[in-house]
Amino acid sequence: MEKERVLITGGAGYLGSILVPALLADGYNVTVLDNFYYRQNSLLECCANKDFNIIWGDCRNEDLLKKLLPEADIIIPLAAMVGVPVSNRDRIATTTVNLGAIKSIINLRSRSQKILFPTTNSGYGIGQEGIFCTEHTELKPISLYGQTKVDAEKALLDDGDVITFRLATLFGMSPRMRIDLLVNDFTHKAVTDRYIVLFEAHFKRNYLHIRDAARAFIHGIKNWDRMKNEPYNVGLSDANLSKKELCEEIQKFVPELVVLESEIGQDPDKRNYIVSNDKIESTGFKPAYSLSDGILELLKGFQILHNNQYGNN
C-alpha cells in the first residue's frame, strides 16, 4: 500500500520538529518546506529516513507551492509568525505568512487534498469570567497574530475539506525550543532566577503539551471523515489556570521559587479565558501528557539549555 504523502510548511518549527518525526514513525511520507528563519537544525535526525524530504524555501512562493502541492495527499500549514512580540515587530510578514500563504494554498489545492490547520485559542481574546469558551463562542482576537490566524481559519473552513485545531498555549521540550511560551518561560525563570514577577496574575488560559498537539494532528488524519470541516479546541481540560496558579504548580517541583505580584506594569498579551475541550474529547482524543509531566521534562531540559536564545521574542 502506497504511503500517504504529507506536506508541512514551517515543519522545522517548535511544533513541526515534534510532528515530523511522529508522522515518519507512523508510516507517512513527509516533505517539509521551511525557510529556517531561526537558523534551527531540529530535523537533522530525520534526514536518514528515506520517507523524509526537505525543501528550503518560503511558504509565500506560489511558484514553489505549485510544484509541491500536487505531490501531497495531506497539507499541514504550520508556517507562521507566532506570538505577539514577533507579530508586532514585522506586521507585513505576519499578514503575508499567517494569512496570505494560506489563501495561496486554498487557491492552488485540489479538492482531494486534506488540510489540517493549527490556529490558536487566543482567538477568544478576553472571555467571560467562569464561562468556558467552546467552538461556538464568538472569536474576538486582541492581537494581529490572533486576528490573522482567525481569518485564515475562516477562509479554510469556508473552503472546506479541512480540520482546524484551536491549540491551547503549548509547553514542553522540542528540538526547536521556545522558551518564550508561558509554562516554558516560568519554568526557566524558576530554574535560573528563582523568582517570577507577575503582571495580571489572575489572567487565565489553557495549556497543552507539544507532543499532544502533534498527536492531535495524527488523530485528525486517522478520523478524517467524522471530524472534517470543523474547528476543535485542543488543550488539557484540567489546566485552565491563572498565571498565579501556574506558578503554584511549578513551586511543587521548585519550592524555593518566589512569586511576586506587581501592581505596576502590564503584560502585552492580554488574553484571559477558559476553554472547553469536550468536542475533540468526544472523538476519542485524550491528552497523554499532564502539566506536571511537562514541568518535570522542562526542568531536565533546562539543565542542557542555559540561555534564552530559543524563543520567538
C-alpha atoms as a PDB file:
ATOM      1  CA  MET A   1       0.000   0.000   0.000  1.00  0.00           C
ATOM      2  CA  GLU A   2       1.405   3.402  -1.002  1.00  0.00           C
ATOM      3  CA  LYS A   3       2.178   5.722   1.895  1.00  0.00           C
ATOM      4  CA  GLU A   4       0.169   8.905   2.282  1.00  0.00           C
ATOM      5  CA  ARG A   5       2.230  11.970   1.452  1.00  0.00           C
ATOM      6  CA  VAL A   6       2.223  14.918   3.855  1.00  0.00           C
ATOM      7  CA  LEU A   7       3.436  18.419   3.006  1.00  0.00           C
ATOM      8  CA  ILE A   8       4.216  20.557   6.059  1.00  0.00           C
ATOM      9  CA  THR A   9       5.079  24.225   5.705  1.00  0.00           C
ATOM     10  CA  GLY A  10       7.102  25.512   8.636  1.00  0.00           C
ATOM     11  CA  GLY A  11       7.868  21.936   9.606  1.00  0.00           C
ATOM     12  CA  ALA A  12      11.170  22.813  11.308  1.00  0.00           C
ATOM     13  CA  GLY A  13       9.479  24.949  13.969  1.00  0.00           C
ATOM     14  CA  TYR A  14       8.586  24.220  17.592  1.00  0.00           C
ATOM     15  CA  LEU A  15       5.586  22.021  16.730  1.00  0.00           C
ATOM     16  CA  GLY A  16       6.858  20.672  13.416  1.00  0.00           C
ATOM     17  CA  SER A  17      10.055  19.387  14.994  1.00  0.00           C
ATOM     18  CA  ILE A  18       7.901  17.055  17.095  1.00  0.00           C
ATOM     19  CA  LEU A  19       5.207  16.336  14.486  1.00  0.00           C
ATOM     20  CA  VAL A  20       7.524  15.407  11.595  1.00  0.00           C
ATOM     21  CA  PRO A  21       9.299  12.545  13.420  1.00  0.00           C
ATOM     22  CA  ALA A  22       5.928  11.339  14.764  1.00  0.00           C
ATOM     23  CA  LEU A  23       4.441  11.186  11.257  1.00  0.00           C
ATOM     24  CA  LEU A  24       7.509   9.385   9.893  1.00  0.00           C
ATOM     25  CA  ALA A  25       7.307   6.858  12.738  1.00  0.00           C
ATOM     26  CA  ASP A  26       3.624   6.324  11.914  1.00  0.00           C
ATOM     27  CA  GLY A  27       4.401   5.443   8.298  1.00  0.00           C
ATOM     28  CA  TYR A  28       3.803   8.670   6.367  1.00  0.00           C
ATOM     29  CA  ASN A  29       5.970  10.184   3.667  1.00  0.00           C
ATOM     30  CA  VAL A  30       6.777  13.740   4.813  1.00  0.00           C
ATOM     31  CA  THR A  31       8.032  16.761   2.886  1.00  0.00           C
ATOM     32  CA  VAL A  32       8.904  19.912   4.835  1.00  0.00           C
ATOM     33  CA  LEU A  33       9.010  23.387   3.337  1.00  0.00           C
ATOM     34  CA  ASP A  34      10.792  25.821   5.666  1.00  0.00           C
ATOM     35  CA  ASN A  35      12.924  28.958   5.394  1.00  0.00           C
ATOM     36  CA  PHE A  36      14.755  28.179   8.686  1.00  0.00           C
ATOM     37  CA  TYR A  37      14.008  31.677   9.944  1.00  0.00           C
ATOM     38  CA  TYR A  38      15.587  30.908  13.331  1.00  0.00           C
ATOM     39  CA  ARG A  39      18.572  29.038  11.841  1.00  0.00           C
ATOM     40  CA  GLN A  40      17.454  25.869  13.590  1.00  0.00           C
ATOM     41  CA  ASN A  41      18.787  22.373  12.817  1.00  0.00           C
ATOM     42  CA  SER A  42      15.995  20.471  14.531  1.00  0.00           C
ATOM     43  CA  LEU A  43      15.240  17.976  11.727  1.00  0.00           C
ATOM     44  CA  LEU A  44      18.774  16.682  11.126  1.00  0.00           C
ATOM     45  CA  GLU A  45      17.945  13.284  12.620  1.00  0.00           C
ATOM     46  CA  CYS A  46      15.113  12.847  10.091  1.00  0.00           C
ATOM     47  CA  CYS A  47      17.464  13.112   7.130  1.00  0.00           C
ATOM     48  CA  ALA A  48      18.410   9.426   7.353  1.00  0.00           C
ATOM     49  CA  ASN A  49      14.765   8.460   6.782  1.00  0.00           C
ATOM     50  CA  LYS A  50      14.052   7.691   3.103  1.00  0.00           C
ATOM     51  CA  ASP A  51      10.471   8.935   3.540  1.00  0.00           C
ATOM     52  CA  PHE A  52      11.621  12.410   4.579  1.00  0.00           C
ATOM     53  CA  ASN A  53      12.214  15.280   2.152  1.00  0.00           C
ATOM     54  CA  ILE A  54      13.234  18.842   2.912  1.00  0.00           C
ATOM     55  CA  ILE A  55      12.878  21.994   0.782  1.00  0.00           C
ATOM     56  CA  TRP A  56      14.479  25.297   1.776  1.00  0.00           C
ATOM     57  CA  GLY A  57      12.021  27.943   0.673  1.00  0.00           C
ATOM     58  CA  ASP A  58       9.286  30.417   1.503  1.00  0.00           C
ATOM     59  CA  CYS A  59       5.669  29.332   2.002  1.00  0.00           C
ATOM     60  CA  ARG A  60       4.572  32.530   0.189  1.00  0.00           C
ATOM     61  CA  ASN A  61       6.327  31.492  -3.036  1.00  0.00           C
ATOM     62  CA  GLU A  62       3.409  30.450  -5.251  1.00  0.00           C
ATOM     63  CA  ASP A  63       5.678  29.016  -7.955  1.00  0.00           C
ATOM     64  CA  LEU A  64       7.194  26.709  -5.350  1.00  0.00           C
ATOM     65  CA  LEU A  65       3.771  25.793  -3.959  1.00  0.00           C
ATOM     66  CA  LYS A  66       2.591  24.900  -7.473  1.00  0.00           C
ATOM     67  CA  LYS A  67       5.386  22.332  -7.661  1.00  0.00           C
ATOM     68  CA  LEU A  68       4.953  20.877  -4.171  1.00  0.00           C
ATOM     69  CA  LEU A  69       1.195  20.813  -3.601  1.00  0.00           C
ATOM     70  CA  PRO A  70       0.296  18.295  -6.341  1.00  0.00           C
ATOM     71  CA  GLU A  71       2.605  15.750  -4.677  1.00  0.00           C
ATOM     72  CA  ALA A  72       0.726  15.866  -1.352  1.00  0.00           C
ATOM     73  CA  ASP A  73      -2.291  13.961  -0.086  1.00  0.00           C
ATOM     74  CA  ILE A  74      -2.311  15.896   3.187  1.00  0.00           C
ATOM     75  CA  ILE A  75      -1.302  19.535   3.768  1.00  0.00           C
ATOM     76  CA  ILE A  76      -0.375  20.855   7.217  1.00  0.00           C
ATOM     77  CA  PRO A  77       0.397  24.607   7.078  1.00  0.00           C
ATOM     78  CA  LEU A  78       2.408  25.242  10.232  1.00  0.00           C
ATOM     79  CA  ALA A  79       4.415  28.170   8.847  1.00  0.00           C
ATOM     80  CA  ALA A  80       3.527  31.314  10.787  1.00  0.00           C
ATOM     81  CA  MET A  81       4.890  34.344  12.542  1.00  0.00           C
ATOM     82  CA  VAL A  82       3.911  33.162  16.012  1.00  0.00           C
ATOM     83  CA  GLY A  83       3.274  35.251  19.095  1.00  0.00           C
ATOM     84  CA  VAL A  84       2.565  38.878  19.923  1.00  0.00           C
ATOM     85  CA  PRO A  85       6.147  40.265  20.023  1.00  0.00           C
ATOM     86  CA  VAL A  86       7.332  38.915  16.668  1.00  0.00           C
ATOM     87  CA  SER A  87       3.991  39.724  15.004  1.00  0.00           C
ATOM     88  CA  ASN A  88       4.116  43.323  16.172  1.00  0.00           C
ATOM     89  CA  ARG A  89       7.734  43.634  15.078  1.00  0.00           C
ATOM     90  CA  ASP A  90       7.020  42.589  11.487  1.00  0.00           C
ATOM     91  CA  ARG A  91       3.360  43.173  10.703  1.00  0.00           C
ATOM     92  CA  ILE A  92       3.762  42.743   6.949  1.00  0.00           C
ATOM     93  CA  ALA A  93       5.395  39.328   7.279  1.00  0.00           C
ATOM     94  CA  THR A  94       2.770  38.319   9.840  1.00  0.00           C
ATOM     95  CA  THR A  95      -0.062  39.146   7.445  1.00  0.00           C
ATOM     96  CA  THR A  96       1.529  37.609   4.351  1.00  0.00           C
ATOM     97  CA  VAL A  97       2.692  34.416   6.086  1.00  0.00           C
ATOM     98  CA  ASN A  98      -0.169  33.770   8.502  1.00  0.00           C
ATOM     99  CA  LEU A  99      -2.958  34.685   6.087  1.00  0.00           C
ATOM    100  CA  GLY A 100      -1.628  35.303   2.586  1.00  0.00           C
ATOM    101  CA  ALA A 101       0.148  31.952   2.317  1.00  0.00           C
ATOM    102  CA  ILE A 102      -2.999  30.151   3.477  1.00  0.00           C
ATOM    103  CA  LYS A 103      -5.050  31.869   0.775  1.00  0.00           C
ATOM    104  CA  SER A 104      -2.459  30.732  -1.782  1.00  0.00           C
ATOM    105  CA  ILE A 105      -2.796  27.130  -0.606  1.00  0.00           C
ATOM    106  CA  ILE A 106      -6.593  27.379  -0.852  1.00  0.00           C
ATOM    107  CA  ASN A 107      -6.340  28.680  -4.418  1.00  0.00           C
ATOM    108  CA  LEU A 108      -3.819  26.058  -5.519  1.00  0.00           C
ATOM    109  CA  ARG A 109      -5.030  22.911  -3.735  1.00  0.00           C
ATOM    110  CA  SER A 110      -7.117  20.170  -5.304  1.00  0.00           C
ATOM    111  CA  ARG A 111     -10.400  19.039  -3.752  1.00  0.00           C
ATOM    112  CA  SER A 112      -8.941  15.604  -2.949  1.00  0.00           C
ATOM    113  CA  GLN A 113      -6.367  17.064  -0.582  1.00  0.00           C
ATOM    114  CA  LYS A 114      -6.897  17.153   3.175  1.00  0.00           C
ATOM    115  CA  ILE A 115      -5.786  20.194   5.160  1.00  0.00           C
ATOM    116  CA  LEU A 116      -5.163  20.171   8.917  1.00  0.00           C
ATOM    117  CA  PHE A 117      -4.507  23.647  10.249  1.00  0.00           C
ATOM    118  CA  PRO A 118      -3.300  24.888  13.632  1.00  0.00           C
ATOM    119  CA  THR A 119      -4.960  28.049  14.732  1.00  0.00           C
ATOM    120  CA  THR A 120      -4.945  29.272  18.320  1.00  0.00           C
ATOM    121  CA  ASN A 121      -7.460  29.570  21.092  1.00  0.00           C
ATOM    122  CA  SER A 122      -6.030  33.043  21.657  1.00  0.00           C
ATOM    123  CA  GLY A 123      -8.712  33.979  19.133  1.00  0.00           C
ATOM    124  CA  TYR A 124     -11.119  34.006  22.083  1.00  0.00           C
ATOM    125  CA  GLY A 125      -9.313  37.090  23.358  1.00  0.00           C
ATOM    126  CA  ILE A 126     -10.913  38.102  26.647  1.00  0.00           C
ATOM    127  CA  GLY A 127     -13.594  35.663  27.763  1.00  0.00           C
ATOM    128  CA  GLN A 128     -16.362  35.949  30.323  1.00  0.00           C
ATOM    129  CA  GLU A 129     -15.378  35.038  33.849  1.00  0.00           C
ATOM    130  CA  GLY A 130     -16.376  31.484  34.737  1.00  0.00           C
ATOM    131  CA  ILE A 131     -17.749  30.693  31.255  1.00  0.00           C
ATOM    132  CA  PHE A 132     -15.915  28.162  29.107  1.00  0.00           C
ATOM    133  CA  CYS A 133     -15.155  29.086  25.509  1.00  0.00           C
ATOM    134  CA  THR A 134     -16.461  26.456  23.096  1.00  0.00           C
ATOM    135  CA  GLU A 135     -16.134  26.238  19.337  1.00  0.00           C
ATOM    136  CA  HIS A 136     -19.390  28.236  19.152  1.00  0.00           C
ATOM    137  CA  THR A 137     -18.029  31.132  21.209  1.00  0.00           C
ATOM    138  CA  GLU A 138     -17.545  34.342  19.262  1.00  0.00           C
ATOM    139  CA  LEU A 139     -13.928  34.902  18.287  1.00  0.00           C
ATOM    140  CA  LYS A 140     -12.533  38.251  19.449  1.00  0.00           C
ATOM    141  CA  PRO A 141      -8.779  38.273  18.843  1.00  0.00           C
ATOM    142  CA  ILE A 142      -6.901  41.112  20.505  1.00  0.00           C
ATOM    143  CA  SER A 143      -3.596  40.893  18.618  1.00  0.00           C
ATOM    144  CA  LEU A 144      -2.512  40.926  14.989  1.00  0.00           C
ATOM    145  CA  TYR A 145      -1.263  37.366  15.445  1.00  0.00           C
ATOM    146  CA  GLY A 146      -4.650  36.219  16.733  1.00  0.00           C
ATOM    147  CA  GLN A 147      -6.540  38.104  14.010  1.00  0.00           C
ATOM    148  CA  THR A 148      -4.507  36.631  11.142  1.00  0.00           C
ATOM    149  CA  LYS A 149      -4.939  33.105  12.498  1.00  0.00           C
ATOM    150  CA  VAL A 150      -8.689  33.602  12.961  1.00  0.00           C
ATOM    151  CA  ASP A 151      -9.024  34.989   9.422  1.00  0.00           C
ATOM    152  CA  ALA A 152      -7.021  32.077   7.999  1.00  0.00           C
ATOM    153  CA  GLU A 153      -9.180  29.572   9.870  1.00  0.00           C
ATOM    154  CA  LYS A 154     -12.363  31.161   8.495  1.00  0.00           C
ATOM    155  CA  ALA A 155     -11.018  31.090   4.933  1.00  0.00           C
ATOM    156  CA  LEU A 156     -10.163  27.397   5.274  1.00  0.00           C
ATOM    157  CA  LEU A 157     -13.471  26.395   6.877  1.00  0.00           C
ATOM    158  CA  ASP A 158     -15.363  28.331   4.188  1.00  0.00           C
ATOM    159  CA  ASP A 159     -13.417  26.392   1.541  1.00  0.00           C
ATOM    160  CA  GLY A 160     -13.989  23.004   3.197  1.00  0.00           C
ATOM    161  CA  ASP A 161     -12.099  19.706   3.425  1.00  0.00           C
ATOM    162  CA  VAL A 162     -10.200  20.901   6.478  1.00  0.00           C
ATOM    163  CA  ILE A 163      -9.837  20.314  10.207  1.00  0.00           C
ATOM    164  CA  THR A 164      -8.701  23.240  12.342  1.00  0.00           C
ATOM    165  CA  PHE A 165      -7.200  22.887  15.795  1.00  0.00           C
ATOM    166  CA  ARG A 166      -7.520  25.813  18.196  1.00  0.00           C
ATOM    167  CA  LEU A 167      -4.452  24.905  20.199  1.00  0.00           C
ATOM    168  CA  ALA A 168      -4.004  25.934  23.810  1.00  0.00           C
ATOM    169  CA  THR A 169      -0.742  27.559  24.914  1.00  0.00           C
ATOM    170  CA  LEU A 170       1.893  24.915  24.210  1.00  0.00           C
ATOM    171  CA  PHE A 171       4.633  23.740  26.545  1.00  0.00           C
ATOM    172  CA  GLY A 172       7.342  21.095  26.675  1.00  0.00           C
ATOM    173  CA  MET A 173      10.740  20.374  25.161  1.00  0.00           C
ATOM    174  CA  SER A 174      11.246  20.380  21.390  1.00  0.00           C
ATOM    175  CA  PRO A 175      14.373  20.142  19.211  1.00  0.00           C
ATOM    176  CA  ARG A 176      13.441  23.677  18.047  1.00  0.00           C
ATOM    177  CA  MET A 177      12.888  25.020  21.522  1.00  0.00           C
ATOM    178  CA  ARG A 178      10.790  28.027  22.503  1.00  0.00           C
ATOM    179  CA  ILE A 179      11.470  29.394  25.966  1.00  0.00           C
ATOM    180  CA  ASP A 180       9.115  32.357  25.445  1.00  0.00           C
ATOM    181  CA  LEU A 181       5.941  30.269  25.878  1.00  0.00           C
ATOM    182  CA  LEU A 182       4.387  30.787  29.306  1.00  0.00           C
ATOM    183  CA  VAL A 183       4.946  27.400  31.007  1.00  0.00           C
ATOM    184  CA  ASN A 184       8.392  27.110  29.439  1.00  0.00           C
ATOM    185  CA  ASP A 185       9.246  30.688  30.392  1.00  0.00           C
ATOM    186  CA  PHE A 186       8.065  30.424  34.002  1.00  0.00           C
ATOM    187  CA  THR A 187       9.844  27.090  34.494  1.00  0.00           C
ATOM    188  CA  HIS A 188      13.024  28.540  33.003  1.00  0.00           C
ATOM    189  CA  LYS A 189      12.795  31.508  35.378  1.00  0.00           C
ATOM    190  CA  ALA A 190      12.266  29.105  38.281  1.00  0.00           C
ATOM    191  CA  VAL A 191      15.482  27.304  37.379  1.00  0.00           C
ATOM    192  CA  THR A 192      17.639  30.328  36.566  1.00  0.00           C
ATOM    193  CA  ASP A 193      16.297  33.234  38.634  1.00  0.00           C
ATOM    194  CA  ARG A 194      14.342  31.550  41.439  1.00  0.00           C
ATOM    195  CA  TYR A 195      11.746  34.325  41.273  1.00  0.00           C
ATOM    196  CA  ILE A 196       8.923  35.482  38.984  1.00  0.00           C
ATOM    197  CA  VAL A 197       7.203  38.874  38.939  1.00  0.00           C
ATOM    198  CA  LEU A 198       3.608  38.529  37.737  1.00  0.00           C
ATOM    199  CA  PHE A 199       1.545  41.124  35.907  1.00  0.00           C
ATOM    200  CA  GLU A 200      -2.221  40.420  35.784  1.00  0.00           C
ATOM    201  CA  ALA A 201      -1.674  37.320  37.916  1.00  0.00           C
ATOM    202  CA  HIS A 202      -5.355  36.363  37.686  1.00  0.00           C
ATOM    203  CA  PHE A 203      -5.437  36.159  33.864  1.00  0.00           C
ATOM    204  CA  LYS A 204      -6.254  32.608  32.783  1.00  0.00           C
ATOM    205  CA  ARG A 205      -5.602  30.467  29.761  1.00  0.00           C
ATOM    206  CA  ASN A 206      -5.494  26.796  28.776  1.00  0.00           C
ATOM    207  CA  TYR A 207      -2.339  24.699  28.214  1.00  0.00           C
ATOM    208  CA  LEU A 208      -1.279  21.719  26.086  1.00  0.00           C
ATOM    209  CA  HIS A 209       1.897  19.632  25.818  1.00  0.00           C
ATOM    210  CA  ILE A 210       3.656  19.955  22.464  1.00  0.00           C
ATOM    211  CA  ARG A 211       3.560  16.176  21.957  1.00  0.00           C
ATOM    212  CA  ASP A 212      -0.198  16.127  22.491  1.00  0.00           C
ATOM    213  CA  ALA A 213      -0.520  18.853  19.857  1.00  0.00           C
ATOM    214  CA  ALA A 214       1.322  16.565  17.431  1.00  0.00           C
ATOM    215  CA  ARG A 215      -0.895  13.655  18.464  1.00  0.00           C
ATOM    216  CA  ALA A 216      -3.985  15.737  17.674  1.00  0.00           C
ATOM    217  CA  PHE A 217      -2.905  16.071  14.036  1.00  0.00           C
ATOM    218  CA  ILE A 218      -2.398  12.336  13.651  1.00  0.00           C
ATOM    219  CA  HIS A 219      -5.752  11.765  15.361  1.00  0.00           C
ATOM    220  CA  GLY A 220      -7.374  14.112  12.849  1.00  0.00           C
ATOM    221  CA  ILE A 221      -5.832  12.297   9.884  1.00  0.00           C
ATOM    222  CA  LYS A 222      -6.988   8.914  11.179  1.00  0.00           C
ATOM    223  CA  ASN A 223     -10.509  10.191  11.975  1.00  0.00           C
ATOM    224  CA  TRP A 224     -10.861  12.457   8.973  1.00  0.00           C
ATOM    225  CA  ASP A 225     -14.348  11.530   7.790  1.00  0.00           C
ATOM    226  CA  ARG A 226     -16.077  12.182  11.120  1.00  0.00           C
ATOM    227  CA  MET A 227     -14.018  15.237  12.080  1.00  0.00           C
ATOM    228  CA  LYS A 228     -13.630  17.191   8.830  1.00  0.00           C
ATOM    229  CA  ASN A 229     -14.951  20.706   8.251  1.00  0.00           C
ATOM    230  CA  GLU A 230     -14.987  21.559  11.948  1.00  0.00           C
ATOM    231  CA  PRO A 231     -12.831  23.525  14.409  1.00  0.00           C
ATOM    232  CA  TYR A 232     -11.646  21.822  17.604  1.00  0.00           C
ATOM    233  CA  ASN A 233     -10.280  23.273  20.828  1.00  0.00           C
ATOM    234  CA  VAL A 234      -7.295  21.202  21.940  1.00  0.00           C
ATOM    235  CA  GLY A 235      -5.948  21.542  25.469  1.00  0.00           C
ATOM    236  CA  LEU A 236      -5.717  19.994  28.914  1.00  0.00           C
ATOM    237  CA  SER A 237      -9.162  20.130  30.488  1.00  0.00           C
ATOM    238  CA  ASP A 238      -7.627  20.210  33.978  1.00  0.00           C
ATOM    239  CA  ALA A 239      -5.278  23.066  33.076  1.00  0.00           C
ATOM    240  CA  ASN A 240      -7.399  26.189  32.717  1.00  0.00           C
ATOM    241  CA  LEU A 241      -5.085  28.087  35.052  1.00  0.00           C
ATOM    242  CA  SER A 242      -4.259  31.638  36.032  1.00  0.00           C
ATOM    243  CA  LYS A 243      -0.639  32.750  35.934  1.00  0.00           C
ATOM    244  CA  LYS A 244      -0.562  32.558  39.735  1.00  0.00           C
ATOM    245  CA  GLU A 245      -1.980  29.028  39.698  1.00  0.00           C
ATOM    246  CA  LEU A 246       0.620  28.026  37.097  1.00  0.00           C
ATOM    247  CA  CYS A 247       3.371  29.317  39.369  1.00  0.00           C
ATOM    248  CA  GLU A 248       1.930  27.295  42.238  1.00  0.00           C
ATOM    249  CA  GLU A 249       2.181  24.153  40.083  1.00  0.00           C
ATOM    250  CA  ILE A 250       5.834  24.920  39.345  1.00  0.00           C
ATOM    251  CA  GLN A 251       6.508  25.572  43.053  1.00  0.00           C
ATOM    252  CA  LYS A 252       5.569  21.935  43.746  1.00  0.00           C
ATOM    253  CA  PHE A 253       8.803  20.996  41.963  1.00  0.00           C
ATOM    254  CA  VAL A 254      10.858  24.121  42.707  1.00  0.00           C
ATOM    255  CA  PRO A 255       9.741  25.057  46.254  1.00  0.00           C
ATOM    256  CA  GLU A 256      12.365  27.808  46.543  1.00  0.00           C
ATOM    257  CA  LEU A 257      10.663  29.739  43.717  1.00  0.00           C
ATOM    258  CA  VAL A 258       9.487  33.160  44.938  1.00  0.00           C
ATOM    259  CA  VAL A 259       6.428  34.598  43.204  1.00  0.00           C
ATOM    260  CA  LEU A 260       5.710  38.319  43.432  1.00  0.00           C
ATOM    261  CA  GLU A 261       2.651  40.160  42.137  1.00  0.00           C
ATOM    262  CA  SER A 262       3.160  43.652  40.751  1.00  0.00           C
ATOM    263  CA  GLU A 263       0.517  46.350  40.600  1.00  0.00           C
ATOM    264  CA  ILE A 264       2.793  48.385  38.326  1.00  0.00           C
ATOM    265  CA  GLY A 265       3.307  47.384  34.703  1.00  0.00           C
ATOM    266  CA  GLN A 266       1.313  45.125  32.453  1.00  0.00           C
ATOM    267  CA  ASP A 267       1.632  42.118  30.205  1.00  0.00           C
ATOM    268  CA  PRO A 268       1.467  42.988  26.473  1.00  0.00           C
ATOM    269  CA  ASP A 269      -0.528  39.775  25.950  1.00  0.00           C
ATOM    270  CA  LYS A 270      -3.975  40.486  27.425  1.00  0.00           C
ATOM    271  CA  ARG A 271      -5.583  37.085  26.790  1.00  0.00           C
ATOM    272  CA  ASN A 272      -7.832  35.889  29.591  1.00  0.00           C
ATOM    273  CA  TYR A 273     -10.214  32.952  29.096  1.00  0.00           C
ATOM    274  CA  ILE A 274     -11.001  29.351  29.992  1.00  0.00           C
ATOM    275  CA  VAL A 275     -11.659  26.729  27.336  1.00  0.00           C
ATOM    276  CA  SER A 276     -13.776  23.593  26.919  1.00  0.00           C
ATOM    277  CA  ASN A 277     -12.104  20.714  25.079  1.00  0.00           C
ATOM    278  CA  ASP A 278     -15.182  18.475  25.183  1.00  0.00           C
ATOM    279  CA  LYS A 279     -15.664  18.443  21.414  1.00  0.00           C
ATOM    280  CA  ILE A 280     -12.351  16.821  20.499  1.00  0.00           C
ATOM    281  CA  GLU A 281     -12.508  14.560  23.538  1.00  0.00           C
ATOM    282  CA  SER A 282     -15.847  13.254  22.229  1.00  0.00           C
ATOM    283  CA  THR A 283     -13.971  11.970  19.146  1.00  0.00           C
ATOM    284  CA  GLY A 284     -11.744   9.815  21.351  1.00  0.00           C
ATOM    285  CA  PHE A 285      -8.766  12.142  21.717  1.00  0.00           C
ATOM    286  CA  LYS A 286      -7.303  12.457  25.205  1.00  0.00           C
ATOM    287  CA  PRO A 287      -4.063  14.234  26.084  1.00  0.00           C
ATOM    288  CA  ALA A 288      -1.326  11.856  27.209  1.00  0.00           C
ATOM    289  CA  TYR A 289       0.904  14.401  28.972  1.00  0.00           C
ATOM    290  CA  SER A 290      -0.043  16.369  32.083  1.00  0.00           C
ATOM    291  CA  LEU A 291       1.181  19.778  33.124  1.00  0.00           C
ATOM    292  CA  SER A 292       3.308  18.083  35.786  1.00  0.00           C
ATOM    293  CA  ASP A 293       4.856  15.829  33.141  1.00  0.00           C
ATOM    294  CA  GLY A 294       5.798  18.917  31.174  1.00  0.00           C
ATOM    295  CA  ILE A 295       7.292  20.787  34.127  1.00  0.00           C
ATOM    296  CA  LEU A 296       9.471  17.789  35.046  1.00  0.00           C
ATOM    297  CA  GLU A 297      10.571  17.476  31.431  1.00  0.00           C
ATOM    298  CA  LEU A 298      11.429  21.167  31.254  1.00  0.00           C
ATOM    299  CA  LEU A 299      13.418  21.044  34.486  1.00  0.00           C
ATOM    300  CA  LYS A 300      15.602  18.362  32.915  1.00  0.00           C
ATOM    301  CA  GLY A 301      15.823  20.221  29.618  1.00  0.00           C
ATOM    302  CA  PHE A 302      16.964  23.422  31.267  1.00  0.00           C
ATOM    303  CA  GLN A 303      19.964  21.573  32.642  1.00  0.00           C
ATOM    304  CA  ILE A 304      21.018  21.418  28.982  1.00  0.00           C
ATOM    305  CA  LEU A 305      19.834  24.818  27.751  1.00  0.00           C
ATOM    306  CA  HIS A 306      21.430  27.607  29.766  1.00  0.00           C
ATOM    307  CA  ASN A 307      20.263  30.659  27.800  1.00  0.00           C
ATOM    308  CA  ASN A 308      17.040  32.038  26.389  1.00  0.00           C
ATOM    309  CA  GLN A 309      18.067  32.420  22.749  1.00  0.00           C
ATOM    310  CA  TYR A 310      15.455  29.788  21.943  1.00  0.00           C
ATOM    311  CA  GLY A 311      12.367  31.925  21.585  1.00  0.00           C
ATOM    312  CA  ASN A 312      10.191  33.975  19.278  1.00  0.00           C
ATOM    313  CA  ASN A 313      10.661  37.290  21.088  1.00  0.00           C
END
